[in-house]
Amino acid sequence: MSESKYFKVEGENLVRTKKSCKECGDGYFMAEHKDRYTCGHCGYTEFKKKK
């Protein structure tokens, strides 16, 4: 996967586009599924809130 899917440039700042894992830290991004976010490194899962 390309780095351009994880970051975008706004002016002179680099902004993350994906959520980071709360357990592993900023270097690990979470996969986005239909109903949850999951870390592939540690398995931490956050469920999306229903509207």
C-alpha atoms as a PDB file:
ATOM      1  CA  MET A   1       0.000   0.000   0.000  1.00  0.00           C
ATOM      2  CA  SER A   2       1.232   3.447  -0.856  1.00  0.00           C
ATOM      3  CA  GLU A   3       2.144   6.017   1.799  1.00  0.00           C
ATOM      4  CA  SER A   4      -0.248   8.477   0.154  1.00  0.00           C
ATOM      5  CA  LYS A   5      -3.191   6.589   1.698  1.00  0.00           C
ATOM      6  CA  TYR A   6      -1.868   7.175   5.230  1.00  0.00           C
ATOM      7  CA  PHE A   7      -0.822  10.830   5.035  1.00  0.00           C
ATOM      8  CA  LYS A   8      -1.776  14.031   3.245  1.00  0.00           C
ATOM      9  CA  VAL A   9      -0.047  17.399   3.061  1.00  0.00           C
ATOM     10  CA  GLU A  10      -1.911  20.501   4.225  1.00  0.00           C
ATOM     11  CA  GLY A  11       0.259  23.546   3.679  1.00  0.00           C
ATOM     12  CA  GLU A  12       3.524  22.726   5.419  1.00  0.00           C
ATOM     13  CA  ASN A  13       1.992  20.099   7.724  1.00  0.00           C
ATOM     14  CA  LEU A  14       1.753  16.349   7.286  1.00  0.00           C
ATOM     15  CA  VAL A  15      -1.634  15.011   8.459  1.00  0.00           C
ATOM     16  CA  ARG A  16      -2.520  11.370   9.183  1.00  0.00           C
ATOM     17  CA  THR A  17      -5.606  10.134   7.328  1.00  0.00           C
ATOM     18  CA  LYS A  18      -6.002   6.811   9.178  1.00  0.00           C
ATOM     19  CA  LYS A  19      -6.574   6.179  12.898  1.00  0.00           C
ATOM     20  CA  SER A  20      -3.573   5.147  14.984  1.00  0.00           C
ATOM     21  CA  CYS A  21      -3.750   2.252  17.444  1.00  0.00           C
ATOM     22  CA  LYS A  22      -4.176   3.418  21.048  1.00  0.00           C
ATOM     23  CA  GLU A  23      -2.297   0.365  22.353  1.00  0.00           C
ATOM     24  CA  CYS A  24       0.668   0.234  19.926  1.00  0.00           C
ATOM     25  CA  GLY A  25       1.167   3.962  19.350  1.00  0.00           C
ATOM     26  CA  ASP A  26       1.466   6.350  16.425  1.00  0.00           C
ATOM     27  CA  GLY A  27       3.438   4.011  14.141  1.00  0.00           C
ATOM     28  CA  TYR A  28       0.609   1.490  13.801  1.00  0.00           C
ATOM     29  CA  PHE A  29      -2.488   2.288  11.776  1.00  0.00           C
ATOM     30  CA  MET A  30      -5.879   0.667  12.230  1.00  0.00           C
ATOM     31  CA  ALA A  31      -7.756  -1.008   9.392  1.00  0.00           C
ATOM     32  CA  GLU A  32     -11.225   0.380   8.757  1.00  0.00           C
ATOM     33  CA  HIS A  33     -14.015  -2.166   8.371  1.00  0.00           C
ATOM     34  CA  LYS A  34     -17.747  -1.656   7.925  1.00  0.00           C
ATOM     35  CA  ASP A  35     -18.521  -1.747  11.656  1.00  0.00           C
ATOM     36  CA  ARG A  36     -15.132  -1.478  13.397  1.00  0.00           C
ATOM     37  CA  TYR A  37     -11.475  -0.378  13.373  1.00  0.00           C
ATOM     38  CA  THR A  38      -8.873  -3.099  13.966  1.00  0.00           C
ATOM     39  CA  CYS A  39      -5.122  -3.066  14.617  1.00  0.00           C
ATOM     40  CA  GLY A  40      -3.326  -5.768  12.655  1.00  0.00           C
ATOM     41  CA  HIS A  41      -0.378  -5.732  15.051  1.00  0.00           C
ATOM     42  CA  CYS A  42      -2.012  -6.309  18.458  1.00  0.00           C
ATOM     43  CA  GLY A  43      -5.655  -7.051  17.545  1.00  0.00           C
ATOM     44  CA  TYR A  44      -7.094  -4.035  19.386  1.00  0.00           C
ATOM     45  CA  THR A  45     -10.631  -3.332  18.091  1.00  0.00           C
ATOM     46  CA  GLU A  46     -12.871  -0.276  18.341  1.00  0.00           C
ATOM     47  CA  PHE A  47     -16.462  -0.613  17.214  1.00  0.00           C
ATOM     48  CA  LYS A  48     -18.080   2.244  15.301  1.00  0.00           C
ATOM     49  CA  LYS A  49     -21.035   3.930  16.937  1.00  0.00           C
ATOM     50  CA  LYS A  50     -24.390   3.443  15.268  1.00  0.00           C
ATOM     51  CA  LYS A  51     -26.192   6.593  14.158  1.00  0.00           C
END
